[in-house]
Every structure is written in C-alpha cells, then in structure tokens.
C-alpha cells in the first residue's frame, strides 16, 4: 500500500489477477482522524499502465 497526500491521508493498493477475468483491481482508501480506513473507490480495468492510473487518480483528486 502506498500512502500519499497531506499526512498520508490517502492510500492506494493494487491487486493483479485476483478476479475471474484477471483484470487489475486498484483500491483507493482514506484515513479518518482515528487512523481507520474508509474505502472510497475501486477501479477495474483491462490493463493498468502508469498513464491510465495518472488520468483517473488526477480526476479523483480534482
């Protein structure tokens, strides 16, 4: 899991090949004031490249 943002309040985790179609699953979570995890988004795509990830992560941040 990669944490980033102000005080590491936003985290990202990727799983590859864990579903029936073998698509990558990318989970985005945030942390509350008690440092508990709250899932906010899942992205399932037929491929996962740096450019694709940058595009949708930037859209979520905006």
PDB file of N, CA and C in Angstrom:
ATOM      1  N   UNK A   1       0.841  -1.166   0.000  1.00  0.00           N
ATOM      2  CA  UNK A   1       0.000   0.000   0.000  1.00  0.00           C
ATOM      3  C   UNK A   1       0.890   1.234   0.000  1.00  0.00           C
ATOM      4  N   UNK A   2       0.534   2.184  -0.831  1.00  0.00           N
ATOM      5  CA  UNK A   2       1.284   3.429  -0.939  1.00  0.00           C
ATOM      6  C   UNK A   2       0.436   4.544  -0.329  1.00  0.00           C
ATOM      7  N   UNK A   3       0.995   5.274   0.631  1.00  0.00           N
ATOM      8  CA  UNK A   3       0.280   6.387   1.257  1.00  0.00           C
ATOM      9  C   UNK A   3       0.853   7.695   0.731  1.00  0.00           C
ATOM     10  N   UNK A   4      -0.031   8.649   0.448  1.00  0.00           N
ATOM     11  CA  UNK A   4       0.421   9.950  -0.009  1.00  0.00           C
ATOM     12  C   UNK A   4      -0.628  10.991   0.325  1.00  0.00           C
ATOM     13  N   UNK A   5      -0.360  12.225   0.001  1.00  0.00           N
ATOM     14  CA  UNK A   5      -1.252  13.316   0.358  1.00  0.00           C
ATOM     15  C   UNK A   5      -0.830  13.932   1.681  1.00  0.00           C
ATOM     16  N   UNK A   6      -1.596  14.892   2.151  1.00  0.00           N
ATOM     17  CA  UNK A   6      -1.279  15.578   3.405  1.00  0.00           C
ATOM     18  C   UNK A   6      -1.346  14.602   4.570  1.00  0.00           C
ATOM     19  N   UNK A   7      -0.257  14.406   5.246  1.00  0.00           N
ATOM     20  CA  UNK A   7      -0.142  13.493   6.406  1.00  0.00           C
ATOM     21  C   UNK A   7      -0.466  12.045   6.042  1.00  0.00           C
ATOM     22  N   UNK A   8      -0.337  11.664   4.785  1.00  0.00           N
ATOM     23  CA  UNK A   8      -0.600  10.285   4.372  1.00  0.00           C
ATOM     24  C   UNK A   8      -2.047   9.877   4.542  1.00  0.00           C
ATOM     25  N   UNK A   9      -2.983  10.787   4.278  1.00  0.00           N
ATOM     26  CA  UNK A   9      -4.400  10.501   4.486  1.00  0.00           C
ATOM     27  C   UNK A   9      -5.038   9.731   3.339  1.00  0.00           C
ATOM     28  N   UNK A  10      -4.326   9.541   2.253  1.00  0.00           N
ATOM     29  CA  UNK A  10      -4.853   8.896   1.054  1.00  0.00           C
ATOM     30  C   UNK A  10      -3.938   7.729   0.720  1.00  0.00           C
ATOM     31  N   UNK A  11      -4.495   6.565   0.444  1.00  0.00           N
ATOM     32  CA  UNK A  11      -3.658   5.398   0.160  1.00  0.00           C
ATOM     33  C   UNK A  11      -4.179   4.662  -1.062  1.00  0.00           C
ATOM     34  N   UNK A  12      -3.288   3.902  -1.667  1.00  0.00           N
ATOM     35  CA  UNK A  12      -3.601   3.172  -2.883  1.00  0.00           C
ATOM     36  C   UNK A  12      -3.021   1.767  -2.784  1.00  0.00           C
ATOM     37  N   UNK A  13      -3.762   0.792  -3.305  1.00  0.00           N
ATOM     38  CA  UNK A  13      -3.295  -0.590  -3.287  1.00  0.00           C
ATOM     39  C   UNK A  13      -3.755  -1.270  -4.568  1.00  0.00           C
ATOM     40  N   UNK A  14      -2.923  -2.093  -5.160  1.00  0.00           N
ATOM     41  CA  UNK A  14      -3.265  -2.794  -6.400  1.00  0.00           C
ATOM     42  C   UNK A  14      -3.209  -4.294  -6.199  1.00  0.00           C
ATOM     43  N   UNK A  15      -4.141  -4.981  -6.836  1.00  0.00           N
ATOM     44  CA  UNK A  15      -4.170  -6.443  -6.864  1.00  0.00           C
ATOM     45  C   UNK A  15      -4.273  -6.861  -8.326  1.00  0.00           C
ATOM     46  N   UNK A  16      -3.444  -7.803  -8.711  1.00  0.00           N
ATOM     47  CA  UNK A  16      -3.437  -8.244 -10.100  1.00  0.00           C
ATOM     48  C   UNK A  16      -3.781  -9.725 -10.170  1.00  0.00           C
ATOM     49  N   UNK A  17      -4.734 -10.073 -11.047  1.00  0.00           N
ATOM     50  CA  UNK A  17      -5.075 -11.472 -11.276  1.00  0.00           C
ATOM     51  C   UNK A  17      -5.862 -12.133 -10.159  1.00  0.00           C
ATOM     52  N   UNK A  18      -6.522 -11.353  -9.305  1.00  0.00           N
ATOM     53  CA  UNK A  18      -7.264 -11.953  -8.195  1.00  0.00           C
ATOM     54  C   UNK A  18      -8.747 -12.114  -8.495  1.00  0.00           C
ATOM     55  N   UNK A  19      -9.190 -11.704  -9.669  1.00  0.00           N
ATOM     56  CA  UNK A  19     -10.593 -11.876 -10.027  1.00  0.00           C
ATOM     57  C   UNK A  19     -10.705 -12.835 -11.212  1.00  0.00           C
ATOM     58  N   UNK A  20     -11.922 -13.219 -11.526  1.00  0.00           N
ATOM     59  CA  UNK A  20     -12.169 -14.228 -12.562  1.00  0.00           C
ATOM     60  C   UNK A  20     -11.605 -13.828 -13.930  1.00  0.00           C
ATOM     61  N   UNK A  21     -11.694 -12.559 -14.276  1.00  0.00           N
ATOM     62  CA  UNK A  21     -11.231 -12.088 -15.584  1.00  0.00           C
ATOM     63  C   UNK A  21      -9.754 -11.708 -15.606  1.00  0.00           C
ATOM     64  N   UNK A  22      -9.081 -11.804 -14.470  1.00  0.00           N
ATOM     65  CA  UNK A  22      -7.653 -11.479 -14.348  1.00  0.00           C
ATOM     66  C   UNK A  22      -7.361 -10.007 -14.631  1.00  0.00           C
ATOM     67  N   UNK A  23      -8.344  -9.143 -14.411  1.00  0.00           N
ATOM     68  CA  UNK A  23      -8.138  -7.706 -14.564  1.00  0.00           C
ATOM     69  C   UNK A  23      -7.499  -7.143 -13.302  1.00  0.00           C
ATOM     70  N   UNK A  24      -6.689  -6.109 -13.437  1.00  0.00           N
ATOM     71  CA  UNK A  24      -6.135  -5.462 -12.244  1.00  0.00           C
ATOM     72  C   UNK A  24      -7.227  -4.700 -11.488  1.00  0.00           C
ATOM     73  N   UNK A  25      -7.191  -4.769 -10.168  1.00  0.00           N
ATOM     74  CA  UNK A  25      -8.115  -4.042  -9.302  1.00  0.00           C
ATOM     75  C   UNK A  25      -7.292  -3.068  -8.473  1.00  0.00           C
ATOM     76  N   UNK A  26      -7.675  -1.818  -8.512  1.00  0.00           N
ATOM     77  CA  UNK A  26      -6.955  -0.785  -7.778  1.00  0.00           C
ATOM     78  C   UNK A  26      -7.913  -0.190  -6.755  1.00  0.00           C
ATOM     79  N   UNK A  27      -7.555  -0.221  -5.482  1.00  0.00           N
ATOM     80  CA  UNK A  27      -8.396   0.294  -4.399  1.00  0.00           C
ATOM     81  C   UNK A  27      -7.831   1.602  -3.870  1.00  0.00           C
ATOM     82  N   UNK A  28      -8.726   2.557  -3.631  1.00  0.00           N
ATOM     83  CA  UNK A  28      -8.334   3.824  -3.025  1.00  0.00           C
ATOM     84  C   UNK A  28      -9.038   3.958  -1.688  1.00  0.00           C
ATOM     85  N   UNK A  29      -8.284   4.295  -0.667  1.00  0.00           N
ATOM     86  CA  UNK A  29      -8.848   4.446   0.678  1.00  0.00           C
ATOM     87  C   UNK A  29      -8.355   5.751   1.293  1.00  0.00           C
ATOM     88  N   UNK A  30      -9.121   6.249   2.254  1.00  0.00           N
ATOM     89  CA  UNK A  30      -8.708   7.407   3.046  1.00  0.00           C
ATOM     90  C   UNK A  30      -8.701   6.993   4.508  1.00  0.00           C
ATOM     91  N   UNK A  31      -8.023   7.778   5.320  1.00  0.00           N
ATOM     92  CA  UNK A  31      -7.933   7.500   6.747  1.00  0.00           C
ATOM     93  C   UNK A  31      -8.642   8.601   7.519  1.00  0.00           C
ATOM     94  N   UNK A  32      -9.470   8.206   8.511  1.00  0.00           N
ATOM     95  CA  UNK A  32     -10.150   9.201   9.331  1.00  0.00           C
ATOM     96  C   UNK A  32      -9.241   9.674  10.463  1.00  0.00           C
ATOM     97  N   UNK A  33      -9.778  10.486  11.357  1.00  0.00           N
ATOM     98  CA  UNK A  33      -8.968  11.068  12.431  1.00  0.00           C
ATOM     99  C   UNK A  33      -8.436  10.029  13.408  1.00  0.00           C
ATOM    100  N   UNK A  34      -9.084   8.858  13.468  1.00  0.00           N
ATOM    101  CA  UNK A  34      -8.624   7.772  14.342  1.00  0.00           C
ATOM    102  C   UNK A  34      -7.745   6.779  13.596  1.00  0.00           C
ATOM    103  N   UNK A  35      -7.349   7.137  12.373  1.00  0.00           N
ATOM    104  CA  UNK A  35      -6.497   6.310  11.513  1.00  0.00           C
ATOM    105  C   UNK A  35      -7.177   5.010  11.078  1.00  0.00           C
ATOM    106  N   UNK A  36      -8.510   5.025  10.996  1.00  0.00           N
ATOM    107  CA  UNK A  36      -9.268   3.884  10.478  1.00  0.00           C
ATOM    108  C   UNK A  36      -9.450   4.075   8.976  1.00  0.00           C
ATOM    109  N   UNK A  37      -9.482   2.965   8.256  1.00  0.00           N
ATOM    110  CA  UNK A  37      -9.551   3.002   6.791  1.00  0.00           C
ATOM    111  C   UNK A  37     -10.997   3.099   6.317  1.00  0.00           C
ATOM    112  N   UNK A  38     -11.232   3.981   5.342  1.00  0.00           N
ATOM    113  CA  UNK A  38     -12.536   4.123   4.696  1.00  0.00           C
ATOM    114  C   UNK A  38     -12.320   3.955   3.194  1.00  0.00           C
ATOM    115  N   UNK A  39     -12.861   2.880   2.589  1.00  0.00           N
ATOM    116  CA  UNK A  39     -12.707   2.710   1.133  1.00  0.00           C
ATOM    117  C   UNK A  39     -13.552   3.745   0.391  1.00  0.00           C
ATOM    118  N   UNK A  40     -12.978   4.349  -0.633  1.00  0.00           N
ATOM    119  CA  UNK A  40     -13.699   5.378  -1.382  1.00  0.00           C
ATOM    120  C   UNK A  40     -13.864   5.062  -2.865  1.00  0.00           C
ATOM    121  N   UNK A  41     -13.012   4.217  -3.433  1.00  0.00           N
ATOM    122  CA  UNK A  41     -13.133   3.924  -4.864  1.00  0.00           C
ATOM    123  C   UNK A  41     -12.411   2.634  -5.220  1.00  0.00           C
ATOM    124  N   UNK A  42     -12.942   1.965  -6.238  1.00  0.00           N
ATOM    125  CA  UNK A  42     -12.284   0.805  -6.825  1.00  0.00           C
ATOM    126  C   UNK A  42     -12.267   1.009  -8.328  1.00  0.00           C
ATOM    127  N   UNK A  43     -11.165   0.700  -8.933  1.00  0.00           N
ATOM    128  CA  UNK A  43     -11.041   0.814 -10.385  1.00  0.00           C
ATOM    129  C   UNK A  43     -10.664  -0.557 -10.925  1.00  0.00           C
ATOM    130  N   UNK A  44     -11.477  -1.060 -11.860  1.00  0.00           N
ATOM    131  CA  UNK A  44     -11.204  -2.335 -12.526  1.00  0.00           C
ATOM    132  C   UNK A  44     -11.025  -2.015 -14.008  1.00  0.00           C
ATOM    133  N   UNK A  45      -9.888  -2.377 -14.552  1.00  0.00           N
ATOM    134  CA  UNK A  45      -9.586  -2.029 -15.938  1.00  0.00           C
ATOM    135  C   UNK A  45      -8.940  -3.210 -16.646  1.00  0.00           C
ATOM    136  N   UNK A  46      -9.082  -3.300 -17.977  1.00  0.00           N
ATOM    137  CA  UNK A  46      -8.477  -4.408 -18.708  1.00  0.00           C
ATOM    138  C   UNK A  46      -6.952  -4.359 -18.720  1.00  0.00           C
ATOM    139  N   UNK A  47      -6.381  -3.189 -18.464  1.00  0.00           N
ATOM    140  CA  UNK A  47      -4.924  -3.084 -18.358  1.00  0.00           C
ATOM    141  C   UNK A  47      -4.620  -1.986 -17.346  1.00  0.00           C
ATOM    142  N   UNK A  48      -3.403  -1.981 -16.880  1.00  0.00           N
ATOM    143  CA  UNK A  48      -3.030  -0.979 -15.885  1.00  0.00           C
ATOM    144  C   UNK A  48      -1.652  -0.448 -16.220  1.00  0.00           C
ATOM    145  N   UNK A  49      -1.632   0.757 -16.736  1.00  0.00           N
ATOM    146  CA  UNK A  49      -0.352   1.388 -17.054  1.00  0.00           C
ATOM    147  C   UNK A  49      -0.241   2.700 -16.285  1.00  0.00           C
ATOM    148  N   UNK A  50       0.935   3.231 -16.241  1.00  0.00           N
ATOM    149  CA  UNK A  50       1.178   4.462 -15.489  1.00  0.00           C
ATOM    150  C   UNK A  50       0.297   5.605 -15.995  1.00  0.00           C
ATOM    151  N   UNK A  51       0.167   5.729 -17.298  1.00  0.00           N
ATOM    152  CA  UNK A  51      -0.646   6.795 -17.875  1.00  0.00           C
ATOM    153  C   UNK A  51      -2.109   6.683 -17.506  1.00  0.00           C
ATOM    154  N   UNK A  52      -2.639   5.468 -17.532  1.00  0.00           N
ATOM    155  CA  UNK A  52      -4.034   5.256 -17.160  1.00  0.00           C
ATOM    156  C   UNK A  52      -4.268   5.608 -15.702  1.00  0.00           C
ATOM    157  N   UNK A  53      -3.388   5.163 -14.836  1.00  0.00           N
ATOM    158  CA  UNK A  53      -3.530   5.428 -13.402  1.00  0.00           C
ATOM    159  C   UNK A  53      -3.471   6.932 -13.126  1.00  0.00           C
ATOM    160  N   UNK A  54      -2.557   7.618 -13.767  1.00  0.00           N
ATOM    161  CA  UNK A  54      -2.424   9.058 -13.568  1.00  0.00           C
ATOM    162  C   UNK A  54      -3.706   9.774 -13.969  1.00  0.00           C
ATOM    163  N   UNK A  55      -4.313   9.361 -15.063  1.00  0.00           N
ATOM    164  CA  UNK A  55      -5.522  10.014 -15.569  1.00  0.00           C
ATOM    165  C   UNK A  55      -6.658   9.936 -14.565  1.00  0.00           C
ATOM    166  N   UNK A  56      -6.991   8.727 -14.063  1.00  0.00           N
ATOM    167  CA  UNK A  56      -8.146   8.635 -13.164  1.00  0.00           C
ATOM    168  C   UNK A  56      -7.824   9.087 -11.748  1.00  0.00           C
ATOM    169  N   UNK A  57      -6.585   8.967 -11.295  1.00  0.00           N
ATOM    170  CA  UNK A  57      -6.252   9.470  -9.958  1.00  0.00           C
ATOM    171  C   UNK A  57      -6.303  10.999  -9.936  1.00  0.00           C
ATOM    172  N   UNK A  58      -5.864  11.627 -11.011  1.00  0.00           N
ATOM    173  CA  UNK A  58      -5.952  13.088 -11.085  1.00  0.00           C
ATOM    174  C   UNK A  58      -7.410  13.529 -11.114  1.00  0.00           C
ATOM    175  N   UNK A  59      -8.261  12.804 -11.831  1.00  0.00           N
ATOM    176  CA  UNK A  59      -9.687  13.131 -11.876  1.00  0.00           C
ATOM    177  C   UNK A  59     -10.317  13.024 -10.488  1.00  0.00           C
ATOM    178  N   UNK A  60      -9.934  12.017  -9.713  1.00  0.00           N
ATOM    179  CA  UNK A  60     -10.472  11.867  -8.364  1.00  0.00           C
ATOM    180  C   UNK A  60     -10.007  12.987  -7.442  1.00  0.00           C
ATOM    181  N   UNK A  61      -8.776  13.400  -7.582  1.00  0.00           N
ATOM    182  CA  UNK A  61      -8.245  14.471  -6.720  1.00  0.00           C
ATOM    183  C   UNK A  61      -8.886  15.813  -7.018  1.00  0.00           C
ATOM    184  N   UNK A  62      -9.233  16.040  -8.284  1.00  0.00           N
ATOM    185  CA  UNK A  62      -9.862  17.316  -8.653  1.00  0.00           C
ATOM    186  C   UNK A  62     -11.296  17.309  -8.203  1.00  0.00           C
TER     187      UNK A  62
END
